[in-house]
Amino acid sequence: QVRLVESGGGLVQAGGSLRLSCAASGSIFSINVMGWYRQAPGKQRELVALSTSGGSTNYPSSVKGRFTISRDNANNALYLQMNSLKPEDTAVYYCNAVTDLSYWGQGTQVTVSS
């Protein structure tokens, strides 16, 4: 089992920055892929950033160039640096880890005011 705890969300003005953190514990040695997803009210959960154990990353066009995902394997942590935030980035952000199962954190709220 893998436990994920997110932190770092909050309220920020458009154009600002936030850094989300995800602390992983449990069977972390079996994690293959980690990522960040978000879900806005009335919308489906969507991928924000993906990081594989091989070091590759992937972003949708909506955040590419503004968001950066990074992993700190020594500290079992995943980060999401978000720059140039827009009101449409407002959502609950979730950390995800994939082994042979998919694990989710409880989410952290990010609100971007215009």
PDB file of N, CA and C in Angstrom:
ATOM      1  N   GLN A   1       0.839  -1.202   0.000  1.00  0.00           N
ATOM      2  CA  GLN A   1       0.000   0.000   0.000  1.00  0.00           C
ATOM      3  C   GLN A   1       0.868   1.243   0.000  1.00  0.00           C
ATOM      4  N   VAL A   2       0.342   2.296  -0.612  1.00  0.00           N
ATOM      5  CA  VAL A   2       1.031   3.581  -0.673  1.00  0.00           C
ATOM      6  C   VAL A   2       0.112   4.651  -0.097  1.00  0.00           C
ATOM      7  N   ARG A   3       0.670   5.484   0.771  1.00  0.00           N
ATOM      8  CA  ARG A   3      -0.094   6.603   1.335  1.00  0.00           C
ATOM      9  C   ARG A   3       0.484   7.901   0.784  1.00  0.00           C
ATOM     10  N   LEU A   4      -0.400   8.783   0.351  1.00  0.00           N
ATOM     11  CA  LEU A   4       0.008  10.046  -0.239  1.00  0.00           C
ATOM     12  C   LEU A   4      -0.658  11.195   0.504  1.00  0.00           C
ATOM     13  N   VAL A   5       0.117  12.207   0.849  1.00  0.00           N
ATOM     14  CA  VAL A   5      -0.418  13.373   1.544  1.00  0.00           C
ATOM     15  C   VAL A   5       0.052  14.625   0.819  1.00  0.00           C
ATOM     16  N   GLU A   6      -0.912  15.392   0.300  1.00  0.00           N
ATOM     17  CA  GLU A   6      -0.583  16.624  -0.412  1.00  0.00           C
ATOM     18  C   GLU A   6      -0.575  17.809   0.536  1.00  0.00           C
ATOM     19  N   SER A   7       0.171  18.832   0.143  1.00  0.00           N
ATOM     20  CA  SER A   7       0.170  20.097   0.865  1.00  0.00           C
ATOM     21  C   SER A   7       0.589  21.199  -0.095  1.00  0.00           C
ATOM     22  N   GLY A   8       0.381  22.448   0.331  1.00  0.00           N
ATOM     23  CA  GLY A   8       0.863  23.570  -0.453  1.00  0.00           C
ATOM     24  C   GLY A   8      -0.188  24.333  -1.223  1.00  0.00           C
ATOM     25  N   GLY A   9      -1.425  23.879  -1.184  1.00  0.00           N
ATOM     26  CA  GLY A   9      -2.471  24.613  -1.881  1.00  0.00           C
ATOM     27  C   GLY A   9      -2.797  25.915  -1.173  1.00  0.00           C
ATOM     28  N   GLY A  10      -3.623  26.729  -1.827  1.00  0.00           N
ATOM     29  CA  GLY A  10      -4.022  27.980  -1.217  1.00  0.00           C
ATOM     30  C   GLY A  10      -4.635  28.916  -2.228  1.00  0.00           C
ATOM     31  N   LEU A  11      -4.746  30.173  -1.815  1.00  0.00           N
ATOM     32  CA  LEU A  11      -5.321  31.226  -2.654  1.00  0.00           C
ATOM     33  C   LEU A  11      -4.203  32.095  -3.197  1.00  0.00           C
ATOM     34  N   VAL A  12      -4.215  32.323  -4.498  1.00  0.00           N
ATOM     35  CA  VAL A  12      -3.176  33.135  -5.127  1.00  0.00           C
ATOM     36  C   VAL A  12      -3.814  33.969  -6.225  1.00  0.00           C
ATOM     37  N   GLN A  13      -3.250  35.118  -6.495  1.00  0.00           N
ATOM     38  CA  GLN A  13      -3.743  35.962  -7.577  1.00  0.00           C
ATOM     39  C   GLN A  13      -3.248  35.440  -8.922  1.00  0.00           C
ATOM     40  N   ALA A  14      -3.998  35.755  -9.953  1.00  0.00           N
ATOM     41  CA  ALA A  14      -3.589  35.370 -11.300  1.00  0.00           C
ATOM     42  C   ALA A  14      -2.184  35.904 -11.585  1.00  0.00           C
ATOM     43  N   GLY A  15      -1.378  35.056 -12.210  1.00  0.00           N
ATOM     44  CA  GLY A  15       0.002  35.410 -12.490  1.00  0.00           C
ATOM     45  C   GLY A  15       0.976  34.961 -11.414  1.00  0.00           C
ATOM     46  N   GLY A  16       0.439  34.537 -10.281  1.00  0.00           N
ATOM     47  CA  GLY A  16       1.284  34.112  -9.171  1.00  0.00           C
ATOM     48  C   GLY A  16       1.740  32.677  -9.295  1.00  0.00           C
ATOM     49  N   SER A  17       2.411  32.208  -8.244  1.00  0.00           N
ATOM     50  CA  SER A  17       2.986  30.865  -8.232  1.00  0.00           C
ATOM     51  C   SER A  17       2.620  30.139  -6.950  1.00  0.00           C
ATOM     52  N   LEU A  18       2.570  28.824  -7.050  1.00  0.00           N
ATOM     53  CA  LEU A  18       2.406  27.948  -5.893  1.00  0.00           C
ATOM     54  C   LEU A  18       3.242  26.701  -6.125  1.00  0.00           C
ATOM     55  N   ARG A  19       3.649  26.088  -5.034  1.00  0.00           N
ATOM     56  CA  ARG A  19       4.364  24.817  -5.131  1.00  0.00           C
ATOM     57  C   ARG A  19       3.634  23.796  -4.284  1.00  0.00           C
ATOM     58  N   LEU A  20       3.158  22.760  -4.926  1.00  0.00           N
ATOM     59  CA  LEU A  20       2.493  21.675  -4.226  1.00  0.00           C
ATOM     60  C   LEU A  20       3.499  20.577  -3.886  1.00  0.00           C
ATOM     61  N   SER A  21       3.279  19.950  -2.747  1.00  0.00           N
ATOM     62  CA  SER A  21       4.120  18.841  -2.326  1.00  0.00           C
ATOM     63  C   SER A  21       3.252  17.618  -2.064  1.00  0.00           C
ATOM     64  N   CYS A  22       3.826  16.454  -2.296  1.00  0.00           N
ATOM     65  CA  CYS A  22       3.156  15.192  -2.025  1.00  0.00           C
ATOM     66  C   CYS A  22       4.157  14.286  -1.318  1.00  0.00           C
ATOM     67  N   ALA A  23       3.840  13.919  -0.078  1.00  0.00           N
ATOM     68  CA  ALA A  23       4.698  13.013   0.688  1.00  0.00           C
ATOM     69  C   ALA A  23       4.173  11.597   0.537  1.00  0.00           C
ATOM     70  N   ALA A  24       5.044  10.697   0.105  1.00  0.00           N
ATOM     71  CA  ALA A  24       4.663   9.305  -0.104  1.00  0.00           C
ATOM     72  C   ALA A  24       5.259   8.426   0.986  1.00  0.00           C
ATOM     73  N   SER A  25       4.495   7.444   1.421  1.00  0.00           N
ATOM     74  CA  SER A  25       4.975   6.479   2.405  1.00  0.00           C
ATOM     75  C   SER A  25       4.365   5.117   2.098  1.00  0.00           C
ATOM     76  N   GLY A  26       4.927   4.089   2.705  1.00  0.00           N
ATOM     77  CA  GLY A  26       4.438   2.729   2.464  1.00  0.00           C
ATOM     78  C   GLY A  26       5.323   2.023   1.458  1.00  0.00           C
ATOM     79  N   SER A  27       4.713   1.321   0.521  1.00  0.00           N
ATOM     80  CA  SER A  27       5.450   0.505  -0.456  1.00  0.00           C
ATOM     81  C   SER A  27       5.941   1.355  -1.618  1.00  0.00           C
ATOM     82  N   ILE A  28       6.727   2.373  -1.307  1.00  0.00           N
ATOM     83  CA  ILE A  28       7.150   3.338  -2.324  1.00  0.00           C
ATOM     84  C   ILE A  28       8.123   2.736  -3.322  1.00  0.00           C
ATOM     85  N   PHE A  29       8.785   1.641  -2.969  1.00  0.00           N
ATOM     86  CA  PHE A  29       9.749   1.025  -3.866  1.00  0.00           C
ATOM     87  C   PHE A  29       9.067   0.449  -5.102  1.00  0.00           C
ATOM     88  N   SER A  30       7.759   0.209  -5.001  1.00  0.00           N
ATOM     89  CA  SER A  30       7.020  -0.398  -6.101  1.00  0.00           C
ATOM     90  C   SER A  30       6.321   0.622  -6.996  1.00  0.00           C
ATOM     91  N   ILE A  31       6.555   1.915  -6.720  1.00  0.00           N
ATOM     92  CA  ILE A  31       5.904   2.953  -7.520  1.00  0.00           C
ATOM     93  C   ILE A  31       6.571   3.058  -8.885  1.00  0.00           C
ATOM     94  N   ASN A  32       5.779   3.026  -9.943  1.00  0.00           N
ATOM     95  CA  ASN A  32       6.293   3.188 -11.299  1.00  0.00           C
ATOM     96  C   ASN A  32       6.103   4.614 -11.803  1.00  0.00           C
ATOM     97  N   VAL A  33       4.903   5.088 -11.673  1.00  0.00           N
ATOM     98  CA  VAL A  33       4.548   6.400 -12.198  1.00  0.00           C
ATOM     99  C   VAL A  33       3.906   7.221 -11.093  1.00  0.00           C
ATOM    100  N   MET A  34       4.259   8.500 -11.052  1.00  0.00           N
ATOM    101  CA  MET A  34       3.598   9.427 -10.146  1.00  0.00           C
ATOM    102  C   MET A  34       3.113  10.625 -10.953  1.00  0.00           C
ATOM    103  N   GLY A  35       2.046  11.217 -10.479  1.00  0.00           N
ATOM    104  CA  GLY A  35       1.515  12.343 -11.227  1.00  0.00           C
ATOM    105  C   GLY A  35       0.634  13.237 -10.391  1.00  0.00           C
ATOM    106  N   TRP A  36       0.293  14.340 -10.986  1.00  0.00           N
ATOM    107  CA  TRP A  36      -0.650  15.288 -10.403  1.00  0.00           C
ATOM    108  C   TRP A  36      -1.867  15.377 -11.313  1.00  0.00           C
ATOM    109  N   TYR A  37      -3.028  15.371 -10.707  1.00  0.00           N
ATOM    110  CA  TYR A  37      -4.295  15.532 -11.400  1.00  0.00           C
ATOM    111  C   TYR A  37      -5.073  16.650 -10.717  1.00  0.00           C
ATOM    112  N   ARG A  38      -6.062  17.173 -11.402  1.00  0.00           N
ATOM    113  CA  ARG A  38      -6.908  18.187 -10.781  1.00  0.00           C
ATOM    114  C   ARG A  38      -8.361  17.977 -11.197  1.00  0.00           C
ATOM    115  N   GLN A  39      -9.248  18.468 -10.337  1.00  0.00           N
ATOM    116  CA  GLN A  39     -10.670  18.374 -10.617  1.00  0.00           C
ATOM    117  C   GLN A  39     -11.343  19.663 -10.194  1.00  0.00           C
ATOM    118  N   ALA A  40     -11.905  20.349 -11.166  1.00  0.00           N
ATOM    119  CA  ALA A  40     -12.660  21.568 -10.910  1.00  0.00           C
ATOM    120  C   ALA A  40     -14.127  21.201 -10.698  1.00  0.00           C
ATOM    121  N   PRO A  41     -14.895  22.058 -10.027  1.00  0.00           N
ATOM    122  CA  PRO A  41     -16.312  21.763  -9.776  1.00  0.00           C
ATOM    123  C   PRO A  41     -17.065  21.499 -11.080  1.00  0.00           C
ATOM    124  N   GLY A  42     -17.788  20.391 -11.117  1.00  0.00           N
ATOM    125  CA  GLY A  42     -18.588  20.057 -12.287  1.00  0.00           C
ATOM    126  C   GLY A  42     -17.811  19.489 -13.453  1.00  0.00           C
ATOM    127  N   LYS A  43     -16.512  19.263 -13.259  1.00  0.00           N
ATOM    128  CA  LYS A  43     -15.677  18.750 -14.350  1.00  0.00           C
ATOM    129  C   LYS A  43     -15.045  17.436 -13.950  1.00  0.00           C
ATOM    130  N   GLN A  44     -14.576  16.698 -14.965  1.00  0.00           N
ATOM    131  CA  GLN A  44     -13.889  15.442 -14.707  1.00  0.00           C
ATOM    132  C   GLN A  44     -12.467  15.697 -14.226  1.00  0.00           C
ATOM    133  N   ARG A  45     -11.934  14.724 -13.487  1.00  0.00           N
ATOM    134  CA  ARG A  45     -10.541  14.820 -13.071  1.00  0.00           C
ATOM    135  C   ARG A  45      -9.656  14.709 -14.308  1.00  0.00           C
ATOM    136  N   GLU A  46      -8.627  15.566 -14.367  1.00  0.00           N
ATOM    137  CA  GLU A  46      -7.753  15.582 -15.528  1.00  0.00           C
ATOM    138  C   GLU A  46      -6.288  15.562 -15.122  1.00  0.00           C
ATOM    139  N   LEU A  47      -5.465  15.020 -16.008  1.00  0.00           N
ATOM    140  CA  LEU A  47      -4.039  14.958 -15.776  1.00  0.00           C
ATOM    141  C   LEU A  47      -3.429  16.349 -15.865  1.00  0.00           C
ATOM    142  N   VAL A  48      -2.532  16.640 -14.933  1.00  0.00           N
ATOM    143  CA  VAL A  48      -1.795  17.906 -14.939  1.00  0.00           C
ATOM    144  C   VAL A  48      -0.326  17.664 -15.278  1.00  0.00           C
ATOM    145  N   ALA A  49       0.263  16.634 -14.699  1.00  0.00           N
ATOM    146  CA  ALA A  49       1.674  16.344 -14.953  1.00  0.00           C
ATOM    147  C   ALA A  49       1.964  14.909 -14.555  1.00  0.00           C
ATOM    148  N   LEU A  50       2.873  14.284 -15.295  1.00  0.00           N
ATOM    149  CA  LEU A  50       3.214  12.889 -15.067  1.00  0.00           C
ATOM    150  C   LEU A  50       4.723  12.735 -14.993  1.00  0.00           C
ATOM    151  N   SER A  51       5.193  11.858 -14.096  1.00  0.00           N
ATOM    152  CA  SER A  51       6.621  11.583 -13.961  1.00  0.00           C
ATOM    153  C   SER A  51       6.819  10.081 -13.840  1.00  0.00           C
ATOM    154  N   THR A  52       7.620   9.522 -14.733  1.00  0.00           N
ATOM    155  CA  THR A  52       7.872   8.082 -14.684  1.00  0.00           C
ATOM    156  C   THR A  52       9.128   7.790 -13.878  1.00  0.00           C
ATOM    157  N   SER A  53       9.285   6.544 -13.489  1.00  0.00           N
ATOM    158  CA  SER A  53      10.476   6.150 -12.735  1.00  0.00           C
ATOM    159  C   SER A  53      11.732   6.274 -13.584  1.00  0.00           C
ATOM    160  N   GLY A  54      11.555   6.299 -14.920  1.00  0.00           N
ATOM    161  CA  GLY A  54      12.696   6.465 -15.811  1.00  0.00           C
ATOM    162  C   GLY A  54      13.116   7.909 -16.000  1.00  0.00           C
ATOM    163  N   GLY A  55      12.333   8.834 -15.414  1.00  0.00           N
ATOM    164  CA  GLY A  55      12.727  10.234 -15.471  1.00  0.00           C
ATOM    165  C   GLY A  55      12.010  11.067 -16.514  1.00  0.00           C
ATOM    166  N   SER A  56      11.154  10.466 -17.310  1.00  0.00           N
ATOM    167  CA  SER A  56      10.440  11.261 -18.306  1.00  0.00           C
ATOM    168  C   SER A  56       9.230  11.941 -17.679  1.00  0.00           C
ATOM    169  N   THR A  57       8.835  13.053 -18.286  1.00  0.00           N
ATOM    170  CA  THR A  57       7.697  13.811 -17.798  1.00  0.00           C
ATOM    171  C   THR A  57       6.738  14.094 -18.949  1.00  0.00           C
ATOM    172  N   ASN A  58       5.511  14.383 -18.588  1.00  0.00           N
ATOM    173  CA  ASN A  58       4.504  14.661 -19.601  1.00  0.00           C
ATOM    174  C   ASN A  58       3.515  15.671 -19.055  1.00  0.00           C
ATOM    175  N   TYR A  59       3.123  16.620 -19.898  1.00  0.00           N
ATOM    176  CA  TYR A  59       2.184  17.670 -19.499  1.00  0.00           C
ATOM    177  C   TYR A  59       1.143  17.865 -20.602  1.00  0.00           C
ATOM    178  N   PRO A  60      -0.081  18.180 -20.229  1.00  0.00           N
ATOM    179  CA  PRO A  60      -1.042  18.578 -21.260  1.00  0.00           C
ATOM    180  C   PRO A  60      -0.731  19.991 -21.727  1.00  0.00           C
ATOM    181  N   SER A  61      -1.237  20.354 -22.859  1.00  0.00           N
ATOM    182  CA  SER A  61      -0.925  21.661 -23.429  1.00  0.00           C
ATOM    183  C   SER A  61      -1.405  22.808 -22.547  1.00  0.00           C
ATOM    184  N   SER A  62      -2.434  22.549 -21.744  1.00  0.00           N
ATOM    185  CA  SER A  62      -3.001  23.617 -20.908  1.00  0.00           C
ATOM    186  C   SER A  62      -2.034  24.122 -19.840  1.00  0.00           C
ATOM    187  N   VAL A  63      -1.063  23.295 -19.454  1.00  0.00           N
ATOM    188  CA  VAL A  63      -0.128  23.702 -18.390  1.00  0.00           C
ATOM    189  C   VAL A  63       1.325  23.674 -18.838  1.00  0.00           C
ATOM    190  N   LYS A  64       1.582  23.161 -20.025  1.00  0.00           N
ATOM    191  CA  LYS A  64       2.963  23.021 -20.488  1.00  0.00           C
ATOM    192  C   LYS A  64       3.638  24.384 -20.541  1.00  0.00           C
ATOM    193  N   GLY A  65       4.849  24.439 -19.998  1.00  0.00           N
ATOM    194  CA  GLY A  65       5.578  25.700 -19.947  1.00  0.00           C
ATOM    195  C   GLY A  65       5.301  26.521 -18.696  1.00  0.00           C
ATOM    196  N   ARG A  66       4.254  26.170 -17.967  1.00  0.00           N
ATOM    197  CA  ARG A  66       3.934  26.888 -16.730  1.00  0.00           C
ATOM    198  C   ARG A  66       4.124  26.005 -15.497  1.00  0.00           C
ATOM    199  N   PHE A  67       3.852  24.716 -15.626  1.00  0.00           N
ATOM    200  CA  PHE A  67       3.957  23.785 -14.501  1.00  0.00           C
ATOM    201  C   PHE A  67       5.165  22.874 -14.691  1.00  0.00           C
ATOM    202  N   THR A  68       5.797  22.513 -13.575  1.00  0.00           N
ATOM    203  CA  THR A  68       6.928  21.591 -13.598  1.00  0.00           C
ATOM    204  C   THR A  68       6.778  20.564 -12.493  1.00  0.00           C
ATOM    205  N   ILE A  69       6.843  19.293 -12.874  1.00  0.00           N
ATOM    206  CA  ILE A  69       6.772  18.210 -11.906  1.00  0.00           C
ATOM    207  C   ILE A  69       8.185  17.744 -11.596  1.00  0.00           C
ATOM    208  N   SER A  70       8.425  17.412 -10.340  1.00  0.00           N
ATOM    209  CA  SER A  70       9.740  16.899  -9.960  1.00  0.00           C
ATOM    210  C   SER A  70       9.590  15.882  -8.833  1.00  0.00           C
ATOM    211  N   ARG A  71      10.554  14.962  -8.768  1.00  0.00           N
ATOM    212  CA  ARG A  71      10.552  13.927  -7.745  1.00  0.00           C
ATOM    213  C   ARG A  71      11.818  14.010  -6.923  1.00  0.00           C
ATOM    214  N   ASP A  72      11.680  13.837  -5.631  1.00  0.00           N
ATOM    215  CA  ASP A  72      12.810  13.742  -4.726  1.00  0.00           C
ATOM    216  C   ASP A  72      12.769  12.333  -4.140  1.00  0.00           C
ATOM    217  N   ASN A  73      13.468  11.416  -4.785  1.00  0.00           N
ATOM    218  CA  ASN A  73      13.402  10.016  -4.361  1.00  0.00           C
ATOM    219  C   ASN A  73      14.006   9.799  -2.974  1.00  0.00           C
ATOM    220  N   ALA A  74      14.984  10.614  -2.632  1.00  0.00           N
ATOM    221  CA  ALA A  74      15.624  10.463  -1.318  1.00  0.00           C
ATOM    222  C   ALA A  74      14.640  10.766  -0.185  1.00  0.00           C
ATOM    223  N   ASN A  75      13.727  11.695  -0.459  1.00  0.00           N
ATOM    224  CA  ASN A  75      12.769  12.091   0.573  1.00  0.00           C
ATOM    225  C   ASN A  75      11.355  11.602   0.273  1.00  0.00           C
ATOM    226  N   ASN A  76      11.225  10.738  -0.735  1.00  0.00           N
ATOM    227  CA  ASN A  76       9.919  10.155  -1.073  1.00  0.00           C
ATOM    228  C   ASN A  76       8.871  11.234  -1.309  1.00  0.00           C
ATOM    229  N   ALA A  77       9.243  12.231  -2.099  1.00  0.00           N
ATOM    230  CA  ALA A  77       8.352  13.354  -2.310  1.00  0.00           C
ATOM    231  C   ALA A  77       8.181  13.650  -3.788  1.00  0.00           C
ATOM    232  N   LEU A  78       7.033  14.202  -4.090  1.00  0.00           N
ATOM    233  CA  LEU A  78       6.705  14.656  -5.436  1.00  0.00           C
ATOM    234  C   LEU A  78       6.284  16.114  -5.329  1.00  0.00           C
ATOM    235  N   TYR A  79       6.696  16.925  -6.297  1.00  0.00           N
ATOM    236  CA  TYR A  79       6.387  18.343  -6.253  1.00  0.00           C
ATOM    237  C   TYR A  79       5.738  18.782  -7.564  1.00  0.00           C
ATOM    238  N   LEU A  80       4.990  19.868  -7.462  1.00  0.00           N
ATOM    239  CA  LEU A  80       4.448  20.513  -8.653  1.00  0.00           C
ATOM    240  C   LEU A  80       4.639  22.014  -8.494  1.00  0.00           C
ATOM    241  N   GLN A  81       5.557  22.564  -9.266  1.00  0.00           N
ATOM    242  CA  GLN A  81       5.767  24.012  -9.288  1.00  0.00           C
ATOM    243  C   GLN A  81       4.830  24.600 -10.323  1.00  0.00           C
ATOM    244  N   MET A  82       3.983  25.500  -9.885  1.00  0.00           N
ATOM    245  CA  MET A  82       2.990  26.111 -10.774  1.00  0.00           C
ATOM    246  C   MET A  82       3.262  27.602 -10.873  1.00  0.00           C
ATOM    247  N   ASN A  83       3.569  28.063 -12.065  1.00  0.00           N
ATOM    248  CA  ASN A  83       3.843  29.475 -12.319  1.00  0.00           C
ATOM    249  C   ASN A  83       2.793  30.048 -13.265  1.00  0.00           C
ATOM    250  N   SER A  84       2.737  31.353 -13.313  1.00  0.00           N
ATOM    251  CA  SER A  84       1.799  32.050 -14.208  1.00  0.00           C
ATOM    252  C   SER A  84       0.389  31.480 -14.078  1.00  0.00           C
ATOM    253  N   LEU A  85      -0.063  31.353 -12.863  1.00  0.00           N
ATOM    254  CA  LEU A  85      -1.357  30.728 -12.620  1.00  0.00           C
ATOM    255  C   LEU A  85      -2.500  31.556 -13.187  1.00  0.00           C
ATOM    256  N   LYS A  86      -3.524  30.853 -13.654  1.00  0.00           N
ATOM    257  CA  LYS A  86      -4.701  31.471 -14.249  1.00  0.00           C
ATOM    258  C   LYS A  86      -5.942  31.063 -13.442  1.00  0.00           C
ATOM    259  N   PRO A  87      -7.000  31.858 -13.505  1.00  0.00           N
ATOM    260  CA  PRO A  87      -8.232  31.473 -12.791  1.00  0.00           C
ATOM    261  C   PRO A  87      -8.728  30.086 -13.187  1.00  0.00           C
ATOM    262  N   GLU A  88      -8.509  29.679 -14.417  1.00  0.00           N
ATOM    263  CA  GLU A  88      -8.959  28.362 -14.853  1.00  0.00           C
ATOM    264  C   GLU A  88      -8.129  27.222 -14.270  1.00  0.00           C
ATOM    265  N   ASP A  89      -7.057  27.540 -13.568  1.00  0.00           N
ATOM    266  CA  ASP A  89      -6.289  26.512 -12.855  1.00  0.00           C
ATOM    267  C   ASP A  89      -6.922  26.170 -11.503  1.00  0.00           C
ATOM    268  N   THR A  90      -7.947  26.914 -11.124  1.00  0.00           N
ATOM    269  CA  THR A  90      -8.621  26.660  -9.856  1.00  0.00           C
ATOM    270  C   THR A  90      -9.224  25.261  -9.846  1.00  0.00           C
ATOM    271  N   ALA A  91      -8.868  24.478  -8.836  1.00  0.00           N
ATOM    272  CA  ALA A  91      -9.325  23.092  -8.739  1.00  0.00           C
ATOM    273  C   ALA A  91      -8.773  22.475  -7.457  1.00  0.00           C
ATOM    274  N   VAL A  92      -9.244  21.270  -7.163  1.00  0.00           N
ATOM    275  CA  VAL A  92      -8.588  20.442  -6.150  1.00  0.00           C
ATOM    276  C   VAL A  92      -7.530  19.622  -6.873  1.00  0.00           C
ATOM    277  N   TYR A  93      -6.316  19.671  -6.358  1.00  0.00           N
ATOM    278  CA  TYR A  93      -5.194  18.976  -6.980  1.00  0.00           C
ATOM    279  C   TYR A  93      -4.883  17.712  -6.179  1.00  0.00           C
ATOM    280  N   TYR A  94      -4.736  16.613  -6.914  1.00  0.00           N
ATOM    281  CA  TYR A  94      -4.513  15.311  -6.298  1.00  0.00           C
ATOM    282  C   TYR A  94      -3.174  14.726  -6.747  1.00  0.00           C
ATOM    283  N   CYS A  95      -2.493  14.113  -5.810  1.00  0.00           N
ATOM    284  CA  CYS A  95      -1.284  13.348  -6.092  1.00  0.00           C
ATOM    285  C   CYS A  95      -1.695  11.906  -6.373  1.00  0.00           C
ATOM    286  N   ASN A  96      -1.037  11.279  -7.339  1.00  0.00           N
ATOM    287  CA  ASN A  96      -1.344   9.906  -7.731  1.00  0.00           C
ATOM    288  C   ASN A  96      -0.063   9.104  -7.842  1.00  0.00           C
ATOM    289  N   ALA A  97      -0.114   7.856  -7.397  1.00  0.00           N
ATOM    290  CA  ALA A  97       1.013   6.934  -7.541  1.00  0.00           C
ATOM    291  C   ALA A  97       0.492   5.608  -8.063  1.00  0.00           C
ATOM    292  N   VAL A  98       1.218   5.047  -9.010  1.00  0.00           N
ATOM    293  CA  VAL A  98       0.790   3.796  -9.634  1.00  0.00           C
ATOM    294  C   VAL A  98       1.824   2.705  -9.377  1.00  0.00           C
ATOM    295  N   THR A  99       1.365   1.623  -8.784  1.00  0.00           N
ATOM    296  CA  THR A  99       2.162   0.405  -8.662  1.00  0.00           C
ATOM    297  C   THR A  99       1.431  -0.622  -9.539  1.00  0.00           C
ATOM    298  N   ASP A 100       0.954  -1.688  -8.957  1.00  0.00           N
ATOM    299  CA  ASP A 100      -0.011  -2.517  -9.665  1.00  0.00           C
ATOM    300  C   ASP A 100      -1.428  -2.024  -9.369  1.00  0.00           C
ATOM    301  N   LEU A 101      -1.508  -1.062  -8.502  1.00  0.00           N
ATOM    302  CA  LEU A 101      -2.755  -0.375  -8.172  1.00  0.00           C
ATOM    303  C   LEU A 101      -2.520   1.124  -8.300  1.00  0.00           C
ATOM    304  N   SER A 102      -3.594   1.875  -8.262  1.00  0.00           N
ATOM    305  CA  SER A 102      -3.508   3.328  -8.331  1.00  0.00           C
ATOM    306  C   SER A 102      -3.920   3.914  -6.991  1.00  0.00           C
ATOM    307  N   TYR A 103      -3.082   4.793  -6.454  1.00  0.00           N
ATOM    308  CA  TYR A 103      -3.327   5.395  -5.153  1.00  0.00           C
ATOM    309  C   TYR A 103      -3.486   6.903  -5.298  1.00  0.00           C
ATOM    310  N   TRP A 104      -4.347   7.460  -4.436  1.00  0.00           N
ATOM    311  CA  TRP A 104      -4.638   8.890  -4.486  1.00  0.00           C
ATOM    312  C   TRP A 104      -4.484   9.520  -3.106  1.00  0.00           C
ATOM    313  N   GLY A 105      -4.052  10.770  -3.112  1.00  0.00           N
ATOM    314  CA  GLY A 105      -4.066  11.544  -1.888  1.00  0.00           C
ATOM    315  C   GLY A 105      -5.448  12.138  -1.674  1.00  0.00           C
ATOM    316  N   GLN A 106      -5.569  12.928  -0.603  1.00  0.00           N
ATOM    317  CA  GLN A 106      -6.868  13.488  -0.252  1.00  0.00           C
ATOM    318  C   GLN A 106      -7.158  14.766  -1.029  1.00  0.00           C
ATOM    319  N   GLY A 107      -6.147  15.334  -1.660  1.00  0.00           N
ATOM    320  CA  GLY A 107      -6.329  16.537  -2.458  1.00  0.00           C
ATOM    321  C   GLY A 107      -6.023  17.805  -1.688  1.00  0.00           C
ATOM    322  N   THR A 108      -5.632  18.835  -2.427  1.00  0.00           N
ATOM    323  CA  THR A 108      -5.381  20.153  -1.853  1.00  0.00           C
ATOM    324  C   THR A 108      -5.986  21.201  -2.786  1.00  0.00           C
ATOM    325  N   GLN A 109      -6.678  22.165  -2.197  1.00  0.00           N
ATOM    326  CA  GLN A 109      -7.401  23.165  -2.982  1.00  0.00           C
ATOM    327  C   GLN A 109      -6.459  24.257  -3.461  1.00  0.00           C
ATOM    328  N   VAL A 110      -6.558  24.566  -4.736  1.00  0.00           N
ATOM    329  CA  VAL A 110      -5.845  25.695  -5.324  1.00  0.00           C
ATOM    330  C   VAL A 110      -6.893  26.638  -5.909  1.00  0.00           C
ATOM    331  N   THR A 111      -6.861  27.875  -5.461  1.00  0.00           N
ATOM    332  CA  THR A 111      -7.803  28.879  -5.947  1.00  0.00           C
ATOM    333  C   THR A 111      -7.020  30.060  -6.502  1.00  0.00           C
ATOM    334  N   VAL A 112      -7.293  30.397  -7.750  1.00  0.00           N
ATOM    335  CA  VAL A 112      -6.599  31.499  -8.412  1.00  0.00           C
ATOM    336  C   VAL A 112      -7.626  32.594  -8.679  1.00  0.00           C
ATOM    337  N   SER A 113      -7.408  33.742  -8.078  1.00  0.00           N
ATOM    338  CA  SER A 113      -8.335  34.855  -8.248  1.00  0.00           C
ATOM    339  C   SER A 113      -7.895  35.741  -9.409  1.00  0.00           C
ATOM    340  N   SER A 114      -8.890  36.338 -10.048  1.00  0.00           N
ATOM    341  CA  SER A 114      -8.582  37.193 -11.216  1.00  0.00           C
ATOM    342  C   SER A 114      -8.350  38.628 -10.804  1.00  0.00           C
TER     343      SER A 114
END
